[in-house]
Amino acid sequence: MSDDKCKRCGECCRLTHPVTNADLGYCKHLKFNEDGTTTCLIYDDRINKIIYTQDGVVWYCTTIDKSKNKPKGCAYNE
């Protein structure tokens, strides 16, 4: 998958608890830039990395097409 559609909003890196639907905030590896965009600090080596754990639930980083997180306005979901 190409990154040419990405608006770098960071919403695909927002974590939601799969049982409680609680908003857990953004991935700890996401950097917020002054221009309003975001950058993944581990982008080149992110796939299948454990990025968060809570209550025995483990989140692994994946590509947007395999993610359960489907942010509104994301060009990849259109």
PDB file of N, CA and C in Angstrom:
ATOM      1  N   MET A   1       0.831  -1.172   0.000  1.00  0.00           N
ATOM      2  CA  MET A   1       0.000   0.000   0.000  1.00  0.00           C
ATOM      3  C   MET A   1       0.879   1.240   0.000  1.00  0.00           C
ATOM      4  N   SER A   2       0.493   2.205  -0.764  1.00  0.00           N
ATOM      5  CA  SER A   2       1.235   3.453  -0.874  1.00  0.00           C
ATOM      6  C   SER A   2       0.780   4.445   0.192  1.00  0.00           C
ATOM      7  N   ASP A   3       1.680   5.318   0.604  1.00  0.00           N
ATOM      8  CA  ASP A   3       1.357   6.341   1.597  1.00  0.00           C
ATOM      9  C   ASP A   3       0.917   7.644   0.957  1.00  0.00           C
ATOM     10  N   ASP A   4       0.752   7.679  -0.350  1.00  0.00           N
ATOM     11  CA  ASP A   4       0.467   8.935  -1.033  1.00  0.00           C
ATOM     12  C   ASP A   4      -0.890   9.540  -0.681  1.00  0.00           C
ATOM     13  N   LYS A   5      -1.818   8.762  -0.176  1.00  0.00           N
ATOM     14  CA  LYS A   5      -3.129   9.273   0.213  1.00  0.00           C
ATOM     15  C   LYS A   5      -3.141   9.864   1.623  1.00  0.00           C
ATOM     16  N   CYS A   6      -2.163   9.520   2.422  1.00  0.00           N
ATOM     17  CA  CYS A   6      -2.158   9.861   3.840  1.00  0.00           C
ATOM     18  C   CYS A   6      -2.100  11.368   4.062  1.00  0.00           C
ATOM     19  N   LYS A   7      -3.003  11.863   4.917  1.00  0.00           N
ATOM     20  CA  LYS A   7      -3.045  13.284   5.283  1.00  0.00           C
ATOM     21  C   LYS A   7      -2.221  13.551   6.545  1.00  0.00           C
ATOM     22  N   ARG A   8      -1.678  12.485   7.124  1.00  0.00           N
ATOM     23  CA  ARG A   8      -0.865  12.562   8.340  1.00  0.00           C
ATOM     24  C   ARG A   8      -1.609  13.180   9.517  1.00  0.00           C
ATOM     25  N   CYS A   9      -2.895  12.834   9.630  1.00  0.00           N
ATOM     26  CA  CYS A   9      -3.712  13.365  10.734  1.00  0.00           C
ATOM     27  C   CYS A   9      -3.464  12.613  12.039  1.00  0.00           C
ATOM     28  N   GLY A  10      -3.036  11.359  11.956  1.00  0.00           N
ATOM     29  CA  GLY A  10      -2.739  10.576  13.143  1.00  0.00           C
ATOM     30  C   GLY A  10      -3.923   9.827  13.724  1.00  0.00           C
ATOM     31  N   GLU A  11      -5.121  10.025  13.181  1.00  0.00           N
ATOM     32  CA  GLU A  11      -6.308   9.392  13.755  1.00  0.00           C
ATOM     33  C   GLU A  11      -6.273   7.861  13.668  1.00  0.00           C
ATOM     34  N   CYS A  12      -5.563   7.315  12.698  1.00  0.00           N
ATOM     35  CA  CYS A  12      -5.454   5.856  12.605  1.00  0.00           C
ATOM     36  C   CYS A  12      -4.581   5.302  13.731  1.00  0.00           C
ATOM     37  N   CYS A  13      -3.863   6.180  14.413  1.00  0.00           N
ATOM     38  CA  CYS A  13      -2.996   5.775  15.525  1.00  0.00           C
ATOM     39  C   CYS A  13      -3.648   6.026  16.878  1.00  0.00           C
ATOM     40  N   ARG A  14      -4.942   6.306  16.882  1.00  0.00           N
ATOM     41  CA  ARG A  14      -5.702   6.490  18.117  1.00  0.00           C
ATOM     42  C   ARG A  14      -6.177   5.112  18.569  1.00  0.00           C
ATOM     43  N   LEU A  15      -5.989   4.804  19.829  1.00  0.00           N
ATOM     44  CA  LEU A  15      -6.312   3.478  20.355  1.00  0.00           C
ATOM     45  C   LEU A  15      -7.640   3.482  21.093  1.00  0.00           C
ATOM     46  N   THR A  16      -8.429   2.456  20.848  1.00  0.00           N
ATOM     47  CA  THR A  16      -9.711   2.268  21.516  1.00  0.00           C
ATOM     48  C   THR A  16      -9.731   0.868  22.117  1.00  0.00           C
ATOM     49  N   HIS A  17     -10.156   0.768  23.378  1.00  0.00           N
ATOM     50  CA  HIS A  17     -10.223  -0.541  24.035  1.00  0.00           C
ATOM     51  C   HIS A  17     -11.302  -1.381  23.356  1.00  0.00           C
ATOM     52  N   PRO A  18     -10.983  -2.601  22.937  1.00  0.00           N
ATOM     53  CA  PRO A  18     -11.931  -3.419  22.173  1.00  0.00           C
ATOM     54  C   PRO A  18     -13.141  -3.901  22.977  1.00  0.00           C
ATOM     55  N   VAL A  19     -13.057  -3.910  24.287  1.00  0.00           N
ATOM     56  CA  VAL A  19     -14.173  -4.383  25.108  1.00  0.00           C
ATOM     57  C   VAL A  19     -14.996  -3.208  25.631  1.00  0.00           C
ATOM     58  N   THR A  20     -14.329  -2.221  26.196  1.00  0.00           N
ATOM     59  CA  THR A  20     -15.036  -1.100  26.817  1.00  0.00           C
ATOM     60  C   THR A  20     -15.262   0.079  25.870  1.00  0.00           C
ATOM     61  N   ASN A  21     -14.590   0.067  24.723  1.00  0.00           N
ATOM     62  CA  ASN A  21     -14.610   1.177  23.762  1.00  0.00           C
ATOM     63  C   ASN A  21     -14.050   2.471  24.338  1.00  0.00           C
ATOM     64  N   ALA A  22     -13.305   2.377  25.431  1.00  0.00           N
ATOM     65  CA  ALA A  22     -12.686   3.559  26.024  1.00  0.00           C
ATOM     66  C   ALA A  22     -11.602   4.091  25.102  1.00  0.00           C
ATOM     67  N   ASP A  23     -11.552   5.410  24.996  1.00  0.00           N
ATOM     68  CA  ASP A  23     -10.514   6.063  24.204  1.00  0.00           C
ATOM     69  C   ASP A  23      -9.228   6.042  25.013  1.00  0.00           C
ATOM     70  N   LEU A  24      -8.186   5.429  24.464  1.00  0.00           N
ATOM     71  CA  LEU A  24      -6.913   5.313  25.170  1.00  0.00           C
ATOM     72  C   LEU A  24      -5.889   6.326  24.671  1.00  0.00           C
ATOM     73  N   GLY A  25      -6.308   7.213  23.805  1.00  0.00           N
ATOM     74  CA  GLY A  25      -5.397   8.225  23.286  1.00  0.00           C
ATOM     75  C   GLY A  25      -4.601   7.702  22.106  1.00  0.00           C
ATOM     76  N   TYR A  26      -3.572   8.437  21.787  1.00  0.00           N
ATOM     77  CA  TYR A  26      -2.756   8.109  20.621  1.00  0.00           C
ATOM     78  C   TYR A  26      -1.595   7.189  20.989  1.00  0.00           C
ATOM     79  N   CYS A  27      -1.110   6.473  20.013  1.00  0.00           N
ATOM     80  CA  CYS A  27       0.070   5.628  20.170  1.00  0.00           C
ATOM     81  C   CYS A  27       1.223   6.465  20.717  1.00  0.00           C
ATOM     82  N   LYS A  28       1.990   5.877  21.598  1.00  0.00           N
ATOM     83  CA  LYS A  28       3.107   6.595  22.220  1.00  0.00           C
ATOM     84  C   LYS A  28       4.214   6.930  21.221  1.00  0.00           C
ATOM     85  N   HIS A  29       4.182   6.328  20.056  1.00  0.00           N
ATOM     86  CA  HIS A  29       5.206   6.570  19.042  1.00  0.00           C
ATOM     87  C   HIS A  29       4.806   7.662  18.047  1.00  0.00           C
ATOM     88  N   LEU A  30       3.650   8.280  18.272  1.00  0.00           N
ATOM     89  CA  LEU A  30       3.175   9.316  17.360  1.00  0.00           C
ATOM     90  C   LEU A  30       3.654  10.683  17.822  1.00  0.00           C
ATOM     91  N   LYS A  31       4.298  11.406  16.920  1.00  0.00           N
ATOM     92  CA  LYS A  31       4.799  12.749  17.217  1.00  0.00           C
ATOM     93  C   LYS A  31       3.883  13.764  16.539  1.00  0.00           C
ATOM     94  N   PHE A  32       3.481  14.785  17.290  1.00  0.00           N
ATOM     95  CA  PHE A  32       2.650  15.858  16.743  1.00  0.00           C
ATOM     96  C   PHE A  32       3.556  16.999  16.298  1.00  0.00           C
ATOM     97  N   ASN A  33       3.465  17.341  15.023  1.00  0.00           N
ATOM     98  CA  ASN A  33       4.307  18.387  14.437  1.00  0.00           C
ATOM     99  C   ASN A  33       3.642  19.757  14.553  1.00  0.00           C
ATOM    100  N   GLU A  34       4.444  20.793  14.484  1.00  0.00           N
ATOM    101  CA  GLU A  34       3.948  22.167  14.602  1.00  0.00           C
ATOM    102  C   GLU A  34       2.952  22.538  13.505  1.00  0.00           C
ATOM    103  N   ASP A  35       3.067  21.912  12.337  1.00  0.00           N
ATOM    104  CA  ASP A  35       2.172  22.241  11.222  1.00  0.00           C
ATOM    105  C   ASP A  35       0.842  21.492  11.273  1.00  0.00           C
ATOM    106  N   GLY A  36       0.602  20.743  12.357  1.00  0.00           N
ATOM    107  CA  GLY A  36      -0.657  20.022  12.519  1.00  0.00           C
ATOM    108  C   GLY A  36      -0.628  18.597  12.006  1.00  0.00           C
ATOM    109  N   THR A  37       0.451  18.201  11.380  1.00  0.00           N
ATOM    110  CA  THR A  37       0.578  16.818  10.914  1.00  0.00           C
ATOM    111  C   THR A  37       1.210  15.969  12.010  1.00  0.00           C
ATOM    112  N   THR A  38       1.258  14.688  11.768  1.00  0.00           N
ATOM    113  CA  THR A  38       1.878  13.768  12.713  1.00  0.00           C
ATOM    114  C   THR A  38       2.923  12.929  11.992  1.00  0.00           C
ATOM    115  N   THR A  39       3.829  12.352  12.778  1.00  0.00           N
ATOM    116  CA  THR A  39       4.879  11.487  12.260  1.00  0.00           C
ATOM    117  C   THR A  39       5.025  10.298  13.197  1.00  0.00           C
ATOM    118  N   CYS A  40       5.108   9.110  12.634  1.00  0.00           N
ATOM    119  CA  CYS A  40       5.372   7.919  13.438  1.00  0.00           C
ATOM    120  C   CYS A  40       6.875   7.807  13.649  1.00  0.00           C
ATOM    121  N   LEU A  41       7.273   7.737  14.906  1.00  0.00           N
ATOM    122  CA  LEU A  41       8.702   7.683  15.225  1.00  0.00           C
ATOM    123  C   LEU A  41       9.338   6.327  14.929  1.00  0.00           C
ATOM    124  N   ILE A  42       8.518   5.291  14.741  1.00  0.00           N
ATOM    125  CA  ILE A  42       9.053   3.954  14.442  1.00  0.00           C
ATOM    126  C   ILE A  42       8.527   3.441  13.097  1.00  0.00           C
ATOM    127  N   TYR A  43       8.136   4.354  12.220  1.00  0.00           N
ATOM    128  CA  TYR A  43       7.432   3.998  10.991  1.00  0.00           C
ATOM    129  C   TYR A  43       8.075   2.857  10.208  1.00  0.00           C
ATOM    130  N   ASP A  44       9.344   2.928   9.949  1.00  0.00           N
ATOM    131  CA  ASP A  44       9.997   1.916   9.109  1.00  0.00           C
ATOM    132  C   ASP A  44      10.054   0.535   9.749  1.00  0.00           C
ATOM    133  N   ASP A  45       9.860   0.463  11.054  1.00  0.00           N
ATOM    134  CA  ASP A  45       9.957  -0.814  11.761  1.00  0.00           C
ATOM    135  C   ASP A  45       8.734  -1.053  12.647  1.00  0.00           C
ATOM    136  N   ARG A  46       7.557  -0.535  12.263  1.00  0.00           N
ATOM    137  CA  ARG A  46       6.381  -0.553  13.124  1.00  0.00           C
ATOM    138  C   ARG A  46       5.517  -1.800  13.034  1.00  0.00           C
ATOM    139  N   ILE A  47       5.479  -2.446  11.881  1.00  0.00           N
ATOM    140  CA  ILE A  47       4.539  -3.538  11.654  1.00  0.00           C
ATOM    141  C   ILE A  47       4.774  -4.683  12.635  1.00  0.00           C
ATOM    142  N   ASN A  48       3.698  -5.079  13.303  1.00  0.00           N
ATOM    143  CA  ASN A  48       3.662  -6.160  14.295  1.00  0.00           C
ATOM    144  C   ASN A  48       4.389  -5.834  15.597  1.00  0.00           C
ATOM    145  N   LYS A  49       4.755  -4.574  15.799  1.00  0.00           N
ATOM    146  CA  LYS A  49       5.347  -4.166  17.080  1.00  0.00           C
ATOM    147  C   LYS A  49       4.235  -3.999  18.107  1.00  0.00           C
ATOM    148  N   ILE A  50       4.501  -4.416  19.326  1.00  0.00           N
ATOM    149  CA  ILE A  50       3.560  -4.157  20.415  1.00  0.00           C
ATOM    150  C   ILE A  50       3.642  -2.667  20.727  1.00  0.00           C
ATOM    151  N   ILE A  51       2.506  -1.983  20.623  1.00  0.00           N
ATOM    152  CA  ILE A  51       2.510  -0.545  20.862  1.00  0.00           C
ATOM    153  C   ILE A  51       1.784  -0.160  22.141  1.00  0.00           C
ATOM    154  N   TYR A  52       0.987  -1.085  22.705  1.00  0.00           N
ATOM    155  CA  TYR A  52       0.233  -0.743  23.913  1.00  0.00           C
ATOM    156  C   TYR A  52      -0.301  -2.023  24.533  1.00  0.00           C
ATOM    157  N   THR A  53      -0.372  -2.055  25.843  1.00  0.00           N
ATOM    158  CA  THR A  53      -1.018  -3.171  26.543  1.00  0.00           C
ATOM    159  C   THR A  53      -1.858  -2.596  27.682  1.00  0.00           C
ATOM    160  N   GLN A  54      -3.023  -3.178  27.905  1.00  0.00           N
ATOM    161  CA  GLN A  54      -3.875  -2.796  29.031  1.00  0.00           C
ATOM    162  C   GLN A  54      -4.844  -3.929  29.309  1.00  0.00           C
ATOM    163  N   ASP A  55      -5.009  -4.250  30.564  1.00  0.00           N
ATOM    164  CA  ASP A  55      -5.977  -5.274  30.982  1.00  0.00           C
ATOM    165  C   ASP A  55      -5.806  -6.585  30.223  1.00  0.00           C
ATOM    166  N   GLY A  56      -4.592  -6.944  29.910  1.00  0.00           N
ATOM    167  CA  GLY A  56      -4.338  -8.184  29.199  1.00  0.00           C
ATOM    168  C   GLY A  56      -4.565  -8.099  27.701  1.00  0.00           C
ATOM    169  N   VAL A  57      -4.948  -6.924  27.200  1.00  0.00           N
ATOM    170  CA  VAL A  57      -5.150  -6.738  25.770  1.00  0.00           C
ATOM    171  C   VAL A  57      -3.875  -6.124  25.197  1.00  0.00           C
ATOM    172  N   VAL A  58      -3.434  -6.653  24.080  1.00  0.00           N
ATOM    173  CA  VAL A  58      -2.205  -6.181  23.444  1.00  0.00           C
ATOM    174  C   VAL A  58      -2.550  -5.609  22.073  1.00  0.00           C
ATOM    175  N   TRP A  59      -2.029  -4.427  21.786  1.00  0.00           N
ATOM    176  CA  TRP A  59      -2.204  -3.803  20.478  1.00  0.00           C
ATOM    177  C   TRP A  59      -0.902  -3.927  19.709  1.00  0.00           C
ATOM    178  N   TYR A  60      -1.017  -4.374  18.469  1.00  0.00           N
ATOM    179  CA  TYR A  60       0.111  -4.455  17.563  1.00  0.00           C
ATOM    180  C   TYR A  60      -0.112  -3.440  16.452  1.00  0.00           C
ATOM    181  N   CYS A  61       0.938  -2.796  16.019  1.00  0.00           N
ATOM    182  CA  CYS A  61       0.811  -1.865  14.908  1.00  0.00           C
ATOM    183  C   CYS A  61       0.602  -2.659  13.619  1.00  0.00           C
ATOM    184  N   THR A  62      -0.229  -2.123  12.762  1.00  0.00           N
ATOM    185  CA  THR A  62      -0.529  -2.761  11.492  1.00  0.00           C
ATOM    186  C   THR A  62      -0.681  -1.693  10.418  1.00  0.00           C
ATOM    187  N   THR A  63      -0.977  -2.094   9.226  1.00  0.00           N
ATOM    188  CA  THR A  63      -1.231  -1.134   8.155  1.00  0.00           C
ATOM    189  C   THR A  63      -2.698  -0.719   8.206  1.00  0.00           C
ATOM    190  N   ILE A  64      -3.011   0.432   7.647  1.00  0.00           N
ATOM    191  CA  ILE A  64      -4.370   0.976   7.713  1.00  0.00           C
ATOM    192  C   ILE A  64      -5.399   0.026   7.092  1.00  0.00           C
ATOM    193  N   ASP A  65      -5.033  -0.706   6.068  1.00  0.00           N
ATOM    194  CA  ASP A  65      -5.994  -1.610   5.436  1.00  0.00           C
ATOM    195  C   ASP A  65      -6.338  -2.808   6.324  1.00  0.00           C
ATOM    196  N   LYS A  66      -5.486  -3.128   7.300  1.00  0.00           N
ATOM    197  CA  LYS A  66      -5.756  -4.241   8.210  1.00  0.00           C
ATOM    198  C   LYS A  66      -6.246  -3.761   9.576  1.00  0.00           C
ATOM    199  N   SER A  67      -6.248  -2.461   9.780  1.00  0.00           N
ATOM    200  CA  SER A  67      -6.624  -1.883  11.061  1.00  0.00           C
ATOM    201  C   SER A  67      -8.135  -1.913  11.266  1.00  0.00           C
ATOM    202  N   LYS A  68      -8.557  -2.068  12.516  1.00  0.00           N
ATOM    203  CA  LYS A  68      -9.972  -1.976  12.855  1.00  0.00           C
ATOM    204  C   LYS A  68     -10.378  -0.522  13.066  1.00  0.00           C
ATOM    205  N   ASN A  69      -9.394   0.338  13.183  1.00  0.00           N
ATOM    206  CA  ASN A  69      -9.629   1.760  13.361  1.00  0.00           C
ATOM    207  C   ASN A  69      -9.859   2.379  11.991  1.00  0.00           C
ATOM    208  N   LYS A  70     -11.067   2.879  11.754  1.00  0.00           N
ATOM    209  CA  LYS A  70     -11.426   3.468  10.464  1.00  0.00           C
ATOM    210  C   LYS A  70     -11.860   4.920  10.677  1.00  0.00           C
ATOM    211  N   PRO A  71     -10.896   5.829  10.800  1.00  0.00           N
ATOM    212  CA  PRO A  71     -11.226   7.221  11.069  1.00  0.00           C
ATOM    213  C   PRO A  71     -12.054   7.877   9.966  1.00  0.00           C
ATOM    214  N   LYS A  72     -13.010   8.724  10.389  1.00  0.00           N
ATOM    215  CA  LYS A  72     -13.801   9.477   9.418  1.00  0.00           C
ATOM    216  C   LYS A  72     -12.874  10.443   8.688  1.00  0.00           C
ATOM    217  N   GLY A  73     -13.098  10.582   7.399  1.00  0.00           N
ATOM    218  CA  GLY A  73     -12.318  11.494   6.593  1.00  0.00           C
ATOM    219  C   GLY A  73     -11.002  10.930   6.085  1.00  0.00           C
ATOM    220  N   CYS A  74     -10.690   9.706   6.473  1.00  0.00           N
ATOM    221  CA  CYS A  74      -9.447   9.093   6.018  1.00  0.00           C
ATOM    222  C   CYS A  74      -9.594   8.674   4.552  1.00  0.00           C
ATOM    223  N   ALA A  75      -8.648   9.107   3.736  1.00  0.00           N
ATOM    224  CA  ALA A  75      -8.697   8.790   2.306  1.00  0.00           C
ATOM    225  C   ALA A  75      -8.623   7.291   2.041  1.00  0.00           C
ATOM    226  N   TYR A  76      -8.063   6.529   2.954  1.00  0.00           N
ATOM    227  CA  TYR A  76      -7.954   5.086   2.765  1.00  0.00           C
ATOM    228  C   TYR A  76      -9.290   4.378   2.979  1.00  0.00           C
ATOM    229  N   ASN A  77     -10.234   5.044   3.615  1.00  0.00           N
ATOM    230  CA  ASN A  77     -11.546   4.436   3.876  1.00  0.00           C
ATOM    231  C   ASN A  77     -12.593   4.832   2.837  1.00  0.00           C
ATOM    232  N   GLU A  78     -12.198   5.626   1.867  1.00  0.00           N
ATOM    233  CA  GLU A  78     -13.152   6.098   0.840  1.00  0.00           C
ATOM    234  C   GLU A  78     -13.171   5.169  -0.334  1.00  0.00           C
TER     235      GLU A  78
END
